PDB file of N, CA and C in Angstrom:
ATOM      1  N   GLN A   1     100.479 103.401  97.294  1.00  0.00           N
ATOM      2  CA  GLN A   1      99.963 104.070  96.101  1.00  0.00           C
ATOM      3  C   GLN A   1     100.832 103.713  94.894  1.00  0.00           C
ATOM      4  N   VAL A   2     100.170 103.473  93.786  1.00  0.00           N
ATOM      5  CA  VAL A   2     100.878 103.158  92.546  1.00  0.00           C
ATOM      6  C   VAL A   2     100.320 104.042  91.441  1.00  0.00           C
ATOM      7  N   GLN A   3     101.190 104.754  90.771  1.00  0.00           N
ATOM      8  CA  GLN A   3     100.773 105.538  89.605  1.00  0.00           C
ATOM      9  C   GLN A   3     101.084 104.758  88.331  1.00  0.00           C
ATOM     10  N   LEU A   4     100.147 104.846  87.401  1.00  0.00           N
ATOM     11  CA  LEU A   4     100.293 104.161  86.120  1.00  0.00           C
ATOM     12  C   LEU A   4     100.210 105.193  85.008  1.00  0.00           C
ATOM     13  N   VAL A   5     101.128 105.112  84.082  1.00  0.00           N
ATOM     14  CA  VAL A   5     101.140 106.049  82.963  1.00  0.00           C
ATOM     15  C   VAL A   5     101.172 105.263  81.661  1.00  0.00           C
ATOM     16  N   GLU A   6     100.156 105.485  80.835  1.00  0.00           N
ATOM     17  CA  GLU A   6     100.084 104.815  79.533  1.00  0.00           C
ATOM     18  C   GLU A   6     100.643 105.724  78.445  1.00  0.00           C
ATOM     19  N   SER A   7     101.108 105.095  77.398  1.00  0.00           N
ATOM     20  CA  SER A   7     101.557 105.829  76.222  1.00  0.00           C
ATOM     21  C   SER A   7     101.464 104.919  75.013  1.00  0.00           C
ATOM     22  N   GLY A   8     101.539 105.536  73.845  1.00  0.00           N
ATOM     23  CA  GLY A   8     101.652 104.751  72.622  1.00  0.00           C
ATOM     24  C   GLY A   8     100.390 104.602  71.805  1.00  0.00           C
ATOM     25  N   GLY A   9      99.278 105.155  72.261  1.00  0.00           N
ATOM     26  CA  GLY A   9      98.069 105.062  71.453  1.00  0.00           C
ATOM     27  C   GLY A   9      98.185 105.909  70.202  1.00  0.00           C
ATOM     28  N   GLY A  10      97.165 105.829  69.366  1.00  0.00           N
ATOM     29  CA  GLY A  10      97.168 106.628  68.153  1.00  0.00           C
ATOM     30  C   GLY A  10      96.207 106.102  67.122  1.00  0.00           C
ATOM     31  N   LEU A  11      96.421 106.532  65.897  1.00  0.00           N
ATOM     32  CA  LEU A  11      95.566 106.153  64.774  1.00  0.00           C
ATOM     33  C   LEU A  11      96.295 105.140  63.904  1.00  0.00           C
ATOM     34  N   VAL A  12      95.604 104.081  63.550  1.00  0.00           N
ATOM     35  CA  VAL A  12      96.195 103.053  62.704  1.00  0.00           C
ATOM     36  C   VAL A  12      95.126 102.537  61.747  1.00  0.00           C
ATOM     37  N   GLN A  13      95.555 102.090  60.594  1.00  0.00           N
ATOM     38  CA  GLN A  13      94.606 101.547  59.616  1.00  0.00           C
ATOM     39  C   GLN A  13      94.223 100.117  59.971  1.00  0.00           C
ATOM     40  N   PRO A  14      93.058  99.692  59.542  1.00  0.00           N
ATOM     41  CA  PRO A  14      92.671  98.289  59.772  1.00  0.00           C
ATOM     42  C   PRO A  14      93.730  97.338  59.235  1.00  0.00           C
ATOM     43  N   GLY A  15      94.002  96.322  60.018  1.00  0.00           N
ATOM     44  CA  GLY A  15      95.043  95.365  59.663  1.00  0.00           C
ATOM     45  C   GLY A  15      96.417  95.753  60.147  1.00  0.00           C
ATOM     46  N   GLY A  16      96.545  96.952  60.650  1.00  0.00           N
ATOM     47  CA  GLY A  16      97.835  97.439  61.119  1.00  0.00           C
ATOM     48  C   GLY A  16      98.156  97.005  62.533  1.00  0.00           C
ATOM     49  N   SER A  17      99.292  97.501  63.016  1.00  0.00           N
ATOM     50  CA  SER A  17      99.774  97.156  64.348  1.00  0.00           C
ATOM     51  C   SER A  17     100.071  98.409  65.156  1.00  0.00           C
ATOM     52  N   LEU A  18      99.962  98.245  66.451  1.00  0.00           N
ATOM     53  CA  LEU A  18     100.229  99.354  67.368  1.00  0.00           C
ATOM     54  C   LEU A  18     100.622  98.749  68.704  1.00  0.00           C
ATOM     55  N   SER A  19     101.466  99.439  69.424  1.00  0.00           N
ATOM     56  CA  SER A  19     101.866  98.987  70.749  1.00  0.00           C
ATOM     57  C   SER A  19     101.564 100.083  71.763  1.00  0.00           C
ATOM     58  N   VAL A  20     101.001  99.699  72.887  1.00  0.00           N
ATOM     59  CA  VAL A  20     100.779 100.629  73.988  1.00  0.00           C
ATOM     60  C   VAL A  20     101.592 100.162  75.195  1.00  0.00           C
ATOM     61  N   THR A  21     102.004 101.124  75.988  1.00  0.00           N
ATOM     62  CA  THR A  21     102.904 100.871  77.105  1.00  0.00           C
ATOM     63  C   THR A  21     102.323 101.428  78.391  1.00  0.00           C
ATOM     64  N   CYS A  22     102.550 100.725  79.473  1.00  0.00           N
ATOM     65  CA  CYS A  22     102.140 101.190  80.798  1.00  0.00           C
ATOM     66  C   CYS A  22     103.339 101.092  81.735  1.00  0.00           C
ATOM     67  N   THR A  23     103.663 102.194  82.348  1.00  0.00           N
ATOM     68  CA  THR A  23     104.770 102.211  83.300  1.00  0.00           C
ATOM     69  C   THR A  23     104.224 102.504  84.691  1.00  0.00           C
ATOM     70  N   LYS A  24     104.601 101.685  85.631  1.00  0.00           N
ATOM     71  CA  LYS A  24     104.167 101.914  87.005  1.00  0.00           C
ATOM     72  C   LYS A  24     105.262 102.615  87.787  1.00  0.00           C
ATOM     73  N   SER A  25     104.834 103.288  88.845  1.00  0.00           N
ATOM     74  CA  SER A  25     105.731 104.213  89.542  1.00  0.00           C
ATOM     75  C   SER A  25     106.734 103.535  90.453  1.00  0.00           C
ATOM     76  N   ARG A  26     106.481 102.266  90.801  1.00  0.00           N
ATOM     77  CA  ARG A  26     107.421 101.619  91.708  1.00  0.00           C
ATOM     78  C   ARG A  26     107.340 100.113  91.572  1.00  0.00           C
ATOM     79  N   LEU A  27     108.386  99.469  92.049  1.00  0.00           N
ATOM     80  CA  LEU A  27     108.425  98.021  92.093  1.00  0.00           C
ATOM     81  C   LEU A  27     107.450  97.536  93.161  1.00  0.00           C
ATOM     82  N   LEU A  28     106.732  96.481  92.852  1.00  0.00           N
ATOM     83  CA  LEU A  28     105.811  95.886  93.809  1.00  0.00           C
ATOM     84  C   LEU A  28     106.380  94.595  94.347  1.00  0.00           C
ATOM     85  N   THR A  29     106.337  94.449  95.654  1.00  0.00           N
ATOM     86  CA  THR A  29     106.848  93.217  96.266  1.00  0.00           C
ATOM     87  C   THR A  29     105.738  92.208  96.509  1.00  0.00           C
ATOM     88  N   SER A  30     104.486  92.667  96.461  1.00  0.00           N
ATOM     89  CA  SER A  30     103.356  91.763  96.615  1.00  0.00           C
ATOM     90  C   SER A  30     102.939  91.227  95.254  1.00  0.00           C
ATOM     91  N   SER A  31     102.177  90.151  95.278  1.00  0.00           N
ATOM     92  CA  SER A  31     101.670  89.618  94.019  1.00  0.00           C
ATOM     93  C   SER A  31     100.687  90.607  93.401  1.00  0.00           C
ATOM     94  N   TYR A  32     100.570  90.565  92.098  1.00  0.00           N
ATOM     95  CA  TYR A  32      99.699  91.504  91.396  1.00  0.00           C
ATOM     96  C   TYR A  32      99.176  90.895  90.110  1.00  0.00           C
ATOM     97  N   THR A  33      98.126  91.494  89.633  1.00  0.00           N
ATOM     98  CA  THR A  33      97.625  91.239  88.289  1.00  0.00           C
ATOM     99  C   THR A  33      97.619  92.580  87.561  1.00  0.00           C
ATOM    100  N   TRP A  34      98.312  92.628  86.466  1.00  0.00           N
ATOM    101  CA  TRP A  34      98.549  93.861  85.720  1.00  0.00           C
ATOM    102  C   TRP A  34      97.917  93.674  84.356  1.00  0.00           C
ATOM    103  N   GLY A  35      97.148  94.649  83.928  1.00  0.00           N
ATOM    104  CA  GLY A  35      96.470  94.381  82.678  1.00  0.00           C
ATOM    105  C   GLY A  35      95.944  95.601  81.951  1.00  0.00           C
ATOM    106  N   TRP A  36      95.315  95.299  80.836  1.00  0.00           N
ATOM    107  CA  TRP A  36      94.710  96.306  79.979  1.00  0.00           C
ATOM    108  C   TRP A  36      93.211  96.066  79.886  1.00  0.00           C
ATOM    109  N   TYR A  37      92.509  97.167  79.995  1.00  0.00           N
ATOM    110  CA  TYR A  37      91.073  97.192  79.769  1.00  0.00           C
ATOM    111  C   TYR A  37      90.818  98.222  78.673  1.00  0.00           C
ATOM    112  N   ARG A  38      89.656  98.147  78.074  1.00  0.00           N
ATOM    113  CA  ARG A  38      89.315  99.159  77.079  1.00  0.00           C
ATOM    114  C   ARG A  38      87.854  99.543  77.197  1.00  0.00           C
ATOM    115  N   GLN A  39      87.569 100.760  76.743  1.00  0.00           N
ATOM    116  CA  GLN A  39      86.197 101.240  76.779  1.00  0.00           C
ATOM    117  C   GLN A  39      85.924 102.027  75.514  1.00  0.00           C
ATOM    118  N   ALA A  40      84.981 101.521  74.752  1.00  0.00           N
ATOM    119  CA  ALA A  40      84.550 102.200  73.537  1.00  0.00           C
ATOM    120  C   ALA A  40      83.364 103.114  73.874  1.00  0.00           C
ATOM    121  N   PRO A  41      83.115 104.123  73.063  1.00  0.00           N
ATOM    122  CA  PRO A  41      81.998 105.034  73.341  1.00  0.00           C
ATOM    123  C   PRO A  41      80.674 104.288  73.471  1.00  0.00           C
ATOM    124  N   GLY A  42      79.971 104.565  74.556  1.00  0.00           N
ATOM    125  CA  GLY A  42      78.673 103.953  74.776  1.00  0.00           C
ATOM    126  C   GLY A  42      78.715 102.518  75.266  1.00  0.00           C
ATOM    127  N   LYS A  43      79.909 102.011  75.535  1.00  0.00           N
ATOM    128  CA  LYS A  43      80.038 100.624  75.978  1.00  0.00           C
ATOM    129  C   LYS A  43      80.712 100.565  77.343  1.00  0.00           C
ATOM    130  N   GLN A  44      80.559  99.426  77.990  1.00  0.00           N
ATOM    131  CA  GLN A  44      81.198  99.223  79.274  1.00  0.00           C
ATOM    132  C   GLN A  44      82.680  98.920  79.101  1.00  0.00           C
ATOM    133  N   ARG A  45      83.437  99.206  80.120  1.00  0.00           N
ATOM    134  CA  ARG A  45      84.853  98.872  80.116  1.00  0.00           C
ATOM    135  C   ARG A  45      84.987  97.349  80.147  1.00  0.00           C
ATOM    136  N   GLU A  46      85.898  96.827  79.339  1.00  0.00           N
ATOM    137  CA  GLU A  46      86.059  95.378  79.261  1.00  0.00           C
ATOM    138  C   GLU A  46      87.525  94.993  79.357  1.00  0.00           C
ATOM    139  N   LEU A  47      87.731  93.795  79.878  1.00  0.00           N
ATOM    140  CA  LEU A  47      89.080  93.259  80.009  1.00  0.00           C
ATOM    141  C   LEU A  47      89.643  92.905  78.637  1.00  0.00           C
ATOM    142  N   VAL A  48      90.904  93.261  78.423  1.00  0.00           N
ATOM    143  CA  VAL A  48      91.593  92.902  77.188  1.00  0.00           C
ATOM    144  C   VAL A  48      92.605  91.789  77.454  1.00  0.00           C
ATOM    145  N   ALA A  49      93.515  92.034  78.388  1.00  0.00           N
ATOM    146  CA  ALA A  49      94.557  91.056  78.684  1.00  0.00           C
ATOM    147  C   ALA A  49      95.177  91.380  80.030  1.00  0.00           C
ATOM    148  N   THR A  50      95.665  90.350  80.703  1.00  0.00           N
ATOM    149  CA  THR A  50      96.350  90.544  81.971  1.00  0.00           C
ATOM    150  C   THR A  50      97.603  89.682  82.042  1.00  0.00           C
ATOM    151  N   ILE A  51      98.509  90.098  82.919  1.00  0.00           N
ATOM    152  CA  ILE A  51      99.686  89.313  83.225  1.00  0.00           C
ATOM    153  C   ILE A  51      99.898  89.389  84.726  1.00  0.00           C
ATOM    154  N   THR A  52     100.173  88.268  85.339  1.00  0.00           N
ATOM    155  CA  THR A  52     100.346  88.246  86.780  1.00  0.00           C
ATOM    156  C   THR A  52     101.815  88.397  87.160  1.00  0.00           C
ATOM    157  N   SER A  53     102.041  88.555  88.450  1.00  0.00           N
ATOM    158  CA  SER A  53     103.410  88.687  88.938  1.00  0.00           C
ATOM    159  C   SER A  53     104.221  87.425  88.678  1.00  0.00           C
ATOM    160  N   SER A  54     103.554  86.300  88.497  1.00  0.00           N
ATOM    161  CA  SER A  54     104.241  85.056  88.180  1.00  0.00           C
ATOM    162  C   SER A  54     104.432  84.862  86.684  1.00  0.00           C
ATOM    163  N   GLY A  55     103.879  85.814  85.894  1.00  0.00           N
ATOM    164  CA  GLY A  55     104.057  85.753  84.454  1.00  0.00           C
ATOM    165  C   GLY A  55     102.945  85.071  83.684  1.00  0.00           C
ATOM    166  N   ARG A  56     101.910  84.673  84.376  1.00  0.00           N
ATOM    167  CA  ARG A  56     100.798  84.025  83.684  1.00  0.00           C
ATOM    168  C   ARG A  56      99.972  85.065  82.947  1.00  0.00           C
ATOM    169  N   THR A  57      99.623  84.764  81.719  1.00  0.00           N
ATOM    170  CA  THR A  57      98.855  85.702  80.899  1.00  0.00           C
ATOM    171  C   THR A  57      97.438  85.201  80.664  1.00  0.00           C
ATOM    172  N   ASN A  58      96.563  86.152  80.396  1.00  0.00           N
ATOM    173  CA  ASN A  58      95.165  85.839  80.120  1.00  0.00           C
ATOM    174  C   ASN A  58      94.669  86.835  79.083  1.00  0.00           C
ATOM    175  N   TYR A  59      93.888  86.343  78.129  1.00  0.00           N
ATOM    176  CA  TYR A  59      93.400  87.199  77.056  1.00  0.00           C
ATOM    177  C   TYR A  59      91.894  87.052  76.884  1.00  0.00           C
ATOM    178  N   ALA A  60      91.256  88.164  76.526  1.00  0.00           N
ATOM    179  CA  ALA A  60      89.863  88.087  76.112  1.00  0.00           C
ATOM    180  C   ALA A  60      89.806  87.342  74.774  1.00  0.00           C
ATOM    181  N   ASP A  61      88.720  86.638  74.555  1.00  0.00           N
ATOM    182  CA  ASP A  61      88.593  85.857  73.320  1.00  0.00           C
ATOM    183  C   ASP A  61      88.726  86.736  72.081  1.00  0.00           C
ATOM    184  N   PHE A  62      88.247  87.952  72.165  1.00  0.00           N
ATOM    185  CA  PHE A  62      88.226  88.784  70.965  1.00  0.00           C
ATOM    186  C   PHE A  62      89.602  89.333  70.584  1.00  0.00           C
ATOM    187  N   VAL A  63      90.619  89.131  71.423  1.00  0.00           N
ATOM    188  CA  VAL A  63      91.962  89.578  71.055  1.00  0.00           C
ATOM    189  C   VAL A  63      92.965  88.430  71.011  1.00  0.00           C
ATOM    190  N   ARG A  64      92.571  87.270  71.469  1.00  0.00           N
ATOM    191  CA  ARG A  64      93.512  86.145  71.525  1.00  0.00           C
ATOM    192  C   ARG A  64      94.028  85.826  70.119  1.00  0.00           C
ATOM    193  N   GLY A  65      95.323  85.714  70.032  1.00  0.00           N
ATOM    194  CA  GLY A  65      95.951  85.443  68.737  1.00  0.00           C
ATOM    195  C   GLY A  65      96.343  86.699  67.982  1.00  0.00           C
ATOM    196  N   ARG A  66      95.823  87.842  68.416  1.00  0.00           N
ATOM    197  CA  ARG A  66      96.164  89.117  67.755  1.00  0.00           C
ATOM    198  C   ARG A  66      96.980  90.025  68.666  1.00  0.00           C
ATOM    199  N   PHE A  67      96.684  90.005  69.952  1.00  0.00           N
ATOM    200  CA  PHE A  67      97.357  90.873  70.917  1.00  0.00           C
ATOM    201  C   PHE A  67      98.301  90.044  71.786  1.00  0.00           C
ATOM    202  N   THR A  68      99.389  90.669  72.212  1.00  0.00           N
ATOM    203  CA  THR A  68     100.339  90.010  73.111  1.00  0.00           C
ATOM    204  C   THR A  68     100.690  90.956  74.253  1.00  0.00           C
ATOM    205  N   ILE A  69     100.526  90.467  75.469  1.00  0.00           N
ATOM    206  CA  ILE A  69     100.891  91.256  76.646  1.00  0.00           C
ATOM    207  C   ILE A  69     102.228  90.758  77.166  1.00  0.00           C
ATOM    208  N   SER A  70     103.057  91.690  77.597  1.00  0.00           N
ATOM    209  CA  SER A  70     104.360  91.317  78.136  1.00  0.00           C
ATOM    210  C   SER A  70     104.800  92.394  79.132  1.00  0.00           C
ATOM    211  N   ARG A  71     105.879  92.132  79.800  1.00  0.00           N
ATOM    212  CA  ARG A  71     106.357  93.106  80.783  1.00  0.00           C
ATOM    213  C   ARG A  71     107.868  93.060  80.870  1.00  0.00           C
ATOM    214  N   ASP A  72     108.432  94.168  81.315  1.00  0.00           N
ATOM    215  CA  ASP A  72     109.852  94.257  81.626  1.00  0.00           C
ATOM    216  C   ASP A  72     109.924  94.610  83.105  1.00  0.00           C
ATOM    217  N   ILE A  73     110.245  93.643  83.923  1.00  0.00           N
ATOM    218  CA  ILE A  73     110.219  93.842  85.372  1.00  0.00           C
ATOM    219  C   ILE A  73     111.190  94.941  85.796  1.00  0.00           C
ATOM    220  N   ALA A  74     112.368  94.945  85.221  1.00  0.00           N
ATOM    221  CA  ALA A  74     113.383  95.927  85.611  1.00  0.00           C
ATOM    222  C   ALA A  74     112.964  97.358  85.289  1.00  0.00           C
ATOM    223  N   LYS A  75     112.140  97.504  84.249  1.00  0.00           N
ATOM    224  CA  LYS A  75     111.707  98.835  83.824  1.00  0.00           C
ATOM    225  C   LYS A  75     110.341  99.203  84.385  1.00  0.00           C
ATOM    226  N   ASN A  76     109.741  98.301  85.163  1.00  0.00           N
ATOM    227  CA  ASN A  76     108.386  98.549  85.690  1.00  0.00           C
ATOM    228  C   ASN A  76     107.404  98.870  84.563  1.00  0.00           C
ATOM    229  N   THR A  77     107.558  98.200  83.467  1.00  0.00           N
ATOM    230  CA  THR A  77     106.786  98.526  82.281  1.00  0.00           C
ATOM    231  C   THR A  77     106.096  97.302  81.708  1.00  0.00           C
ATOM    232  N   MET A  78     104.884  97.517  81.250  1.00  0.00           N
ATOM    233  CA  MET A  78     104.106  96.472  80.607  1.00  0.00           C
ATOM    234  C   MET A  78     103.757  96.934  79.200  1.00  0.00           C
ATOM    235  N   TYR A  79     103.674  95.995  78.303  1.00  0.00           N
ATOM    236  CA  TYR A  79     103.420  96.303  76.911  1.00  0.00           C
ATOM    237  C   TYR A  79     102.207  95.515  76.409  1.00  0.00           C
ATOM    238  N   LEU A  80     101.509  96.121  75.468  1.00  0.00           N
ATOM    239  CA  LEU A  80     100.462  95.407  74.748  1.00  0.00           C
ATOM    240  C   LEU A  80     100.722  95.606  73.268  1.00  0.00           C
ATOM    241  N   GLN A  81     101.157  94.544  72.615  1.00  0.00           N
ATOM    242  CA  GLN A  81     101.385  94.576  71.177  1.00  0.00           C
ATOM    243  C   GLN A  81     100.096  94.156  70.497  1.00  0.00           C
ATOM    244  N   MET A  82      99.587  95.034  69.656  1.00  0.00           N
ATOM    245  CA  MET A  82      98.301  94.778  68.999  1.00  0.00           C
ATOM    246  C   MET A  82      98.518  94.646  67.493  1.00  0.00           C
ATOM    247  N   ASN A  83      98.214  93.472  66.969  1.00  0.00           N
ATOM    248  CA  ASN A  83      98.346  93.209  65.550  1.00  0.00           C
ATOM    249  C   ASN A  83      96.981  92.935  64.931  1.00  0.00           C
ATOM    250  N   SER A  84      96.927  93.010  63.629  1.00  0.00           N
ATOM    251  CA  SER A  84      95.684  92.734  62.894  1.00  0.00           C
ATOM    252  C   SER A  84      94.516  93.519  63.486  1.00  0.00           C
ATOM    253  N   LEU A  85      94.743  94.782  63.690  1.00  0.00           N
ATOM    254  CA  LEU A  85      93.732  95.615  64.346  1.00  0.00           C
ATOM    255  C   LEU A  85      92.499  95.785  63.477  1.00  0.00           C
ATOM    256  N   LYS A  86      91.362  95.856  64.157  1.00  0.00           N
ATOM    257  CA  LYS A  86      90.066  95.996  63.509  1.00  0.00           C
ATOM    258  C   LYS A  86      89.413  97.294  63.970  1.00  0.00           C
ATOM    259  N   PRO A  87      88.506  97.821  63.199  1.00  0.00           N
ATOM    260  CA  PRO A  87      87.803  99.048  63.642  1.00  0.00           C
ATOM    261  C   PRO A  87      87.138  98.880  65.004  1.00  0.00           C
ATOM    262  N   GLU A  88      86.679  97.679  65.304  1.00  0.00           N
ATOM    263  CA  GLU A  88      86.025  97.450  66.592  1.00  0.00           C
ATOM    264  C   GLU A  88      86.994  97.434  67.767  1.00  0.00           C
ATOM    265  N   ASP A  89      88.296  97.507  67.481  1.00  0.00           N
ATOM    266  CA  ASP A  89      89.282  97.650  68.549  1.00  0.00           C
ATOM    267  C   ASP A  89      89.423  99.099  68.997  1.00  0.00           C
ATOM    268  N   THR A  90      88.771 100.003  68.309  1.00  0.00           N
ATOM    269  CA  THR A  90      88.819 101.413  68.666  1.00  0.00           C
ATOM    270  C   THR A  90      88.239 101.619  70.057  1.00  0.00           C
ATOM    271  N   ALA A  91      89.025 102.240  70.925  1.00  0.00           N
ATOM    272  CA  ALA A  91      88.604 102.452  72.311  1.00  0.00           C
ATOM    273  C   ALA A  91      89.687 103.231  73.041  1.00  0.00           C
ATOM    274  N   VAL A  92      89.355 103.647  74.248  1.00  0.00           N
ATOM    275  CA  VAL A  92      90.379 104.134  75.163  1.00  0.00           C
ATOM    276  C   VAL A  92      90.888 102.920  75.926  1.00  0.00           C
ATOM    277  N   TYR A  93      92.166 102.739  75.895  1.00  0.00           N
ATOM    278  CA  TYR A  93      92.800 101.603  76.565  1.00  0.00           C
ATOM    279  C   TYR A  93      93.367 102.071  77.898  1.00  0.00           C
ATOM    280  N   TYR A  94      92.960 101.365  78.952  1.00  0.00           N
ATOM    281  CA  TYR A  94      93.358 101.714  80.307  1.00  0.00           C
ATOM    282  C   TYR A  94      94.258 100.631  80.895  1.00  0.00           C
ATOM    283  N   CYS A  95      95.284 101.075  81.553  1.00  0.00           N
ATOM    284  CA  CYS A  95      96.161 100.187  82.307  1.00  0.00           C
ATOM    285  C   CYS A  95      95.605 100.040  83.722  1.00  0.00           C
ATOM    286  N   ASN A  96      95.668  98.850  84.238  1.00  0.00           N
ATOM    287  CA  ASN A  96      95.169  98.571  85.590  1.00  0.00           C
ATOM    288  C   ASN A  96      96.125  97.643  86.307  1.00  0.00           C
ATOM    289  N   ILE A  97      96.268  97.855  87.601  1.00  0.00           N
ATOM    290  CA  ILE A  97      97.007  96.895  88.414  1.00  0.00           C
ATOM    291  C   ILE A  97      96.242  96.670  89.708  1.00  0.00           C
ATOM    292  N   ALA A  98      96.057  95.399  90.025  1.00  0.00           N
ATOM    293  CA  ALA A  98      95.375  94.995  91.241  1.00  0.00           C
ATOM    294  C   ALA A  98      96.397  94.322  92.150  1.00  0.00           C
ATOM    295  N   THR A  99      96.558  94.868  93.353  1.00  0.00           N
ATOM    296  CA  THR A  99      97.528  94.333  94.282  1.00  0.00           C
ATOM    297  C   THR A  99      97.154  94.689  95.698  1.00  0.00           C
ATOM    298  N   SER A 100      97.338  93.745  96.604  1.00  0.00           N
ATOM    299  CA  SER A 100      97.104  93.966  98.037  1.00  0.00           C
ATOM    300  C   SER A 100      95.722  94.545  98.327  1.00  0.00           C
ATOM    301  N   GLY A 101      94.730  94.123  97.560  1.00  0.00           N
ATOM    302  CA  GLY A 101      93.371  94.581  97.782  1.00  0.00           C
ATOM    303  C   GLY A 101      93.040  95.922  97.164  1.00  0.00           C
ATOM    304  N   TYR A 102      93.968  96.499  96.453  1.00  0.00           N
ATOM    305  CA  TYR A 102      93.747  97.789  95.813  1.00  0.00           C
ATOM    306  C   TYR A 102      93.747  97.637  94.291  1.00  0.00           C
ATOM    307  N   ASN A 103      93.028  98.571  93.661  1.00  0.00           N
ATOM    308  CA  ASN A 103      92.952  98.652  92.201  1.00  0.00           C
ATOM    309  C   ASN A 103      93.431 100.036  91.775  1.00  0.00           C
ATOM    310  N   TYR A 104      94.381 100.077  90.858  1.00  0.00           N
ATOM    311  CA  TYR A 104      94.884 101.351  90.372  1.00  0.00           C
ATOM    312  C   TYR A 104      94.677 101.422  88.864  1.00  0.00           C
ATOM    313  N   TRP A 105      94.372 102.640  88.393  1.00  0.00           N
ATOM    314  CA  TRP A 105      94.109 102.851  86.977  1.00  0.00           C
ATOM    315  C   TRP A 105      94.980 103.966  86.407  1.00  0.00           C
ATOM    316  N   GLY A 106      95.340 103.810  85.169  1.00  0.00           N
ATOM    317  CA  GLY A 106      95.975 104.890  84.444  1.00  0.00           C
ATOM    318  C   GLY A 106      94.931 105.810  83.856  1.00  0.00           C
ATOM    319  N   GLN A 107      95.394 106.839  83.163  1.00  0.00           N
ATOM    320  CA  GLN A 107      94.485 107.840  82.627  1.00  0.00           C
ATOM    321  C   GLN A 107      93.894 107.435  81.286  1.00  0.00           C
ATOM    322  N   GLY A 108      94.459 106.421  80.678  1.00  0.00           N
ATOM    323  CA  GLY A 108      93.944 105.915  79.406  1.00  0.00           C
ATOM    324  C   GLY A 108      94.660 106.505  78.210  1.00  0.00           C
ATOM    325  N   THR A 109      94.691 105.732  77.145  1.00  0.00           N
ATOM    326  CA  THR A 109      95.264 106.194  75.890  1.00  0.00           C
ATOM    327  C   THR A 109      94.340 105.767  74.746  1.00  0.00           C
ATOM    328  N   GLN A 110      94.096 106.671  73.824  1.00  0.00           N
ATOM    329  CA  GLN A 110      93.151 106.420  72.743  1.00  0.00           C
ATOM    330  C   GLN A 110      93.803 105.607  71.631  1.00  0.00           C
ATOM    331  N   VAL A 111      93.113 104.559  71.225  1.00  0.00           N
ATOM    332  CA  VAL A 111      93.502 103.776  70.058  1.00  0.00           C
ATOM    333  C   VAL A 111      92.352 103.857  69.061  1.00  0.00           C
ATOM    334  N   THR A 112      92.658 104.326  67.877  1.00  0.00           N
ATOM    335  CA  THR A 112      91.645 104.461  66.833  1.00  0.00           C
ATOM    336  C   THR A 112      92.080 103.670  65.612  1.00  0.00           C
ATOM    337  N   VAL A 113      91.212 102.769  65.180  1.00  0.00           N
ATOM    338  CA  VAL A 113      91.493 101.953  63.996  1.00  0.00           C
ATOM    339  C   VAL A 113      90.522 102.386  62.908  1.00  0.00           C
ATOM    340  N   SER A 114      91.066 103.039  61.907  1.00  0.00           N
ATOM    341  CA  SER A 114      90.215 103.604  60.866  1.00  0.00           C
ATOM    342  C   SER A 114      91.021 103.841  59.604  1.00  0.00           C
ATOM    343  N   SER A 115      90.352 103.699  58.482  1.00  0.00           N
ATOM    344  CA  SER A 115      91.000 104.003  57.210  1.00  0.00           C
ATOM    345  C   SER A 115      90.729 105.457  56.800  1.00  0.00           C
TER     346      SER A 115
END
């Protein structure tokens, strides 16, 4: 079992920056894919960015060049730095980790981009 806790969401103006954090409850010895998904009202949950246990990153086209995913292995923490935010980035951002055939989700953190 892995618990994921997100933090750092909030309200930001268009063009601004925000960082969200996901901390997992324990070190994983198996390979994993750790990432962020988001879900806006009335829309399906969509992939934002992922980072693997080997450090390979992947981004959705709509955030590439604006968002950066990273991790601190020693702290069991993953970060999503979001720059040049747009109103359409408004959503609940969920942390996810897939490992050993299991999928774990955090509770989500709200990001609102509005003037």
